[in-house]
Amino acid sequence: MIDREFFLGFVKIHILYHAIKEPIYGVEIMRELARHGYDLSPGTLYPTLHRMERDGYLVSRREVVEGKARKYYRATDVGVRMLEQSKKQIMELVREVVDEK
């Protein structure tokens, strides 16, 4: 089992990646994360989204869809820069850990 803090780091990277491509909402990103093997509860996802917004990586807007309020998130410029920096670190990590030669 992956330690919670490591797990959340991977989740945050995925969230930023998708929030850069297009606005995302909770249920949608939970499905996308599940597709990648992340079993995430709403009790973990929503506080993570709120923290990322509070920390300036995401911005949200509310929209009514089929009579229900939905909160969409997209990445901020700070979030975009964080993902770019993270990509460099991820590549370095992959080369060192996975391609160990």
C-alpha atoms as a PDB file:
ATOM      1  CA  MET A   1       0.000   0.000   0.000  1.00  0.00           C
ATOM      2  CA  ILE A   2       1.376   3.418  -0.964  1.00  0.00           C
ATOM      3  CA  ASP A   3       1.807   5.912   1.873  1.00  0.00           C
ATOM      4  CA  ARG A   4      -0.958   8.537   1.852  1.00  0.00           C
ATOM      5  CA  GLU A   5       1.406  11.488   1.274  1.00  0.00           C
ATOM      6  CA  PHE A   6       3.094   9.821  -1.711  1.00  0.00           C
ATOM      7  CA  PHE A   7      -0.314   8.829  -3.076  1.00  0.00           C
ATOM      8  CA  LEU A   8      -1.629  12.399  -2.808  1.00  0.00           C
ATOM      9  CA  GLY A   9       1.415  13.708  -4.634  1.00  0.00           C
ATOM     10  CA  PHE A  10       0.623  11.495  -7.626  1.00  0.00           C
ATOM     11  CA  VAL A  11      -3.043  12.483  -7.455  1.00  0.00           C
ATOM     12  CA  LYS A  12      -2.181  16.197  -7.457  1.00  0.00           C
ATOM     13  CA  ILE A  13      -0.014  15.779 -10.548  1.00  0.00           C
ATOM     14  CA  HIS A  14      -2.877  14.022 -12.348  1.00  0.00           C
ATOM     15  CA  ILE A  15      -5.335  16.712 -11.280  1.00  0.00           C
ATOM     16  CA  LEU A  16      -3.085  19.491 -12.559  1.00  0.00           C
ATOM     17  CA  TYR A  17      -2.480  17.688 -15.829  1.00  0.00           C
ATOM     18  CA  HIS A  18      -6.201  17.312 -16.537  1.00  0.00           C
ATOM     19  CA  ALA A  19      -7.129  20.775 -15.216  1.00  0.00           C
ATOM     20  CA  ILE A  20      -4.658  22.293 -17.676  1.00  0.00           C
ATOM     21  CA  LYS A  21      -6.231  20.448 -20.612  1.00  0.00           C
ATOM     22  CA  GLU A  22      -9.821  21.453 -19.724  1.00  0.00           C
ATOM     23  CA  PRO A  23     -11.994  22.383 -16.753  1.00  0.00           C
ATOM     24  CA  ILE A  24     -12.658  19.376 -14.512  1.00  0.00           C
ATOM     25  CA  TYR A  25     -15.196  18.552 -11.811  1.00  0.00           C
ATOM     26  CA  GLY A  26     -15.106  16.113  -8.914  1.00  0.00           C
ATOM     27  CA  VAL A  27     -16.972  13.068 -10.225  1.00  0.00           C
ATOM     28  CA  GLU A  28     -15.264  13.328 -13.604  1.00  0.00           C
ATOM     29  CA  ILE A  29     -11.756  13.475 -12.140  1.00  0.00           C
ATOM     30  CA  MET A  30     -12.567  10.631  -9.727  1.00  0.00           C
ATOM     31  CA  ARG A  31     -13.474   8.456 -12.737  1.00  0.00           C
ATOM     32  CA  GLU A  32     -10.323   9.499 -14.574  1.00  0.00           C
ATOM     33  CA  LEU A  33      -8.147   8.763 -11.550  1.00  0.00           C
ATOM     34  CA  ALA A  34      -9.883   5.381 -11.098  1.00  0.00           C
ATOM     35  CA  ARG A  35      -9.007   4.595 -14.717  1.00  0.00           C
ATOM     36  CA  HIS A  36      -5.353   4.987 -13.684  1.00  0.00           C
ATOM     37  CA  GLY A  37      -5.769   2.732 -10.647  1.00  0.00           C
ATOM     38  CA  TYR A  38      -6.366   5.367  -7.963  1.00  0.00           C
ATOM     39  CA  ASP A  39      -9.185   4.363  -5.606  1.00  0.00           C
ATOM     40  CA  LEU A  40     -10.122   7.769  -4.258  1.00  0.00           C
ATOM     41  CA  SER A  41     -13.040   8.597  -1.998  1.00  0.00           C
ATOM     42  CA  PRO A  42     -14.866  11.936  -2.136  1.00  0.00           C
ATOM     43  CA  GLY A  43     -13.532  12.511   1.393  1.00  0.00           C
ATOM     44  CA  THR A  44     -10.009  12.524  -0.035  1.00  0.00           C
ATOM     45  CA  LEU A  45     -10.619  14.142  -3.421  1.00  0.00           C
ATOM     46  CA  TYR A  46     -12.634  17.198  -2.439  1.00  0.00           C
ATOM     47  CA  PRO A  47     -10.323  18.364   0.361  1.00  0.00           C
ATOM     48  CA  THR A  48      -7.415  17.902  -2.072  1.00  0.00           C
ATOM     49  CA  LEU A  49      -9.143  20.060  -4.701  1.00  0.00           C
ATOM     50  CA  HIS A  50      -9.951  22.698  -2.065  1.00  0.00           C
ATOM     51  CA  ARG A  51      -6.338  22.759  -0.814  1.00  0.00           C
ATOM     52  CA  MET A  52      -5.018  23.056  -4.352  1.00  0.00           C
ATOM     53  CA  GLU A  53      -7.367  25.976  -4.924  1.00  0.00           C
ATOM     54  CA  ARG A  54      -6.408  27.601  -1.633  1.00  0.00           C
ATOM     55  CA  ASP A  55      -2.726  27.183  -2.534  1.00  0.00           C
ATOM     56  CA  GLY A  56      -3.269  28.889  -5.898  1.00  0.00           C
ATOM     57  CA  TYR A  57      -2.866  25.905  -8.249  1.00  0.00           C
ATOM     58  CA  LEU A  58      -6.543  25.742  -9.231  1.00  0.00           C
ATOM     59  CA  VAL A  59      -9.396  28.199  -9.615  1.00  0.00           C
ATOM     60  CA  SER A  60     -13.061  27.197  -9.594  1.00  0.00           C
ATOM     61  CA  ARG A  61     -16.382  28.356 -10.923  1.00  0.00           C
ATOM     62  CA  ARG A  62     -19.862  27.072 -10.212  1.00  0.00           C
ATOM     63  CA  GLU A  63     -22.243  26.091 -12.959  1.00  0.00           C
ATOM     64  CA  VAL A  64     -25.706  24.530 -12.917  1.00  0.00           C
ATOM     65  CA  VAL A  65     -25.829  21.363 -15.037  1.00  0.00           C
ATOM     66  CA  GLU A  66     -29.111  19.473 -15.363  1.00  0.00           C
ATOM     67  CA  GLY A  67     -30.459  21.330 -12.339  1.00  0.00           C
ATOM     68  CA  LYS A  68     -27.468  20.502 -10.129  1.00  0.00           C
ATOM     69  CA  ALA A  69     -24.681  22.822  -9.038  1.00  0.00           C
ATOM     70  CA  ARG A  70     -21.303  21.651 -10.260  1.00  0.00           C
ATOM     71  CA  LYS A  71     -17.943  23.152  -9.354  1.00  0.00           C
ATOM     72  CA  TYR A  72     -15.458  23.200 -12.226  1.00  0.00           C
ATOM     73  CA  TYR A  73     -11.741  23.576 -11.617  1.00  0.00           C
ATOM     74  CA  ARG A  74      -9.035  24.698 -13.987  1.00  0.00           C
ATOM     75  CA  ALA A  75      -5.333  25.203 -13.468  1.00  0.00           C
ATOM     76  CA  THR A  76      -3.977  28.669 -12.782  1.00  0.00           C
ATOM     77  CA  ASP A  77      -0.705  29.976 -14.214  1.00  0.00           C
ATOM     78  CA  VAL A  78       0.891  28.900 -10.924  1.00  0.00           C
ATOM     79  CA  GLY A  79      -0.532  25.398 -11.429  1.00  0.00           C
ATOM     80  CA  VAL A  80       0.800  25.264 -14.990  1.00  0.00           C
ATOM     81  CA  ARG A  81       4.271  26.273 -13.800  1.00  0.00           C
ATOM     82  CA  MET A  82       4.128  23.709 -10.987  1.00  0.00           C
ATOM     83  CA  LEU A  83       3.297  20.923 -13.428  1.00  0.00           C
ATOM     84  CA  GLU A  84       6.118  21.984 -15.745  1.00  0.00           C
ATOM     85  CA  GLN A  85       8.578  21.918 -12.836  1.00  0.00           C
ATOM     86  CA  SER A  86       7.154  18.586 -11.692  1.00  0.00           C
ATOM     87  CA  LYS A  87       7.598  17.062 -15.155  1.00  0.00           C
ATOM     88  CA  LYS A  88      11.322  17.771 -14.992  1.00  0.00           C
ATOM     89  CA  GLN A  89      11.554  16.151 -11.567  1.00  0.00           C
ATOM     90  CA  ILE A  90       9.433  13.189 -12.694  1.00  0.00           C
ATOM     91  CA  MET A  91      11.688  12.560 -15.690  1.00  0.00           C
ATOM     92  CA  GLU A  92      14.776  12.713 -13.516  1.00  0.00           C
ATOM     93  CA  LEU A  93      13.169  10.321 -11.030  1.00  0.00           C
ATOM     94  CA  VAL A  94      12.107   7.881 -13.752  1.00  0.00           C
ATOM     95  CA  ARG A  95      15.595   7.855 -15.238  1.00  0.00           C
ATOM     96  CA  GLU A  96      17.121   7.188 -11.832  1.00  0.00           C
ATOM     97  CA  VAL A  97      14.623   4.718 -10.364  1.00  0.00           C
ATOM     98  CA  VAL A  98      13.065   2.916 -13.318  1.00  0.00           C
ATOM     99  CA  ASP A  99      15.908   2.969 -15.807  1.00  0.00           C
ATOM    100  CA  GLU A 100      18.410   2.027 -13.130  1.00  0.00           C
ATOM    101  CA  LYS A 101      21.523   0.942 -15.017  1.00  0.00           C
END
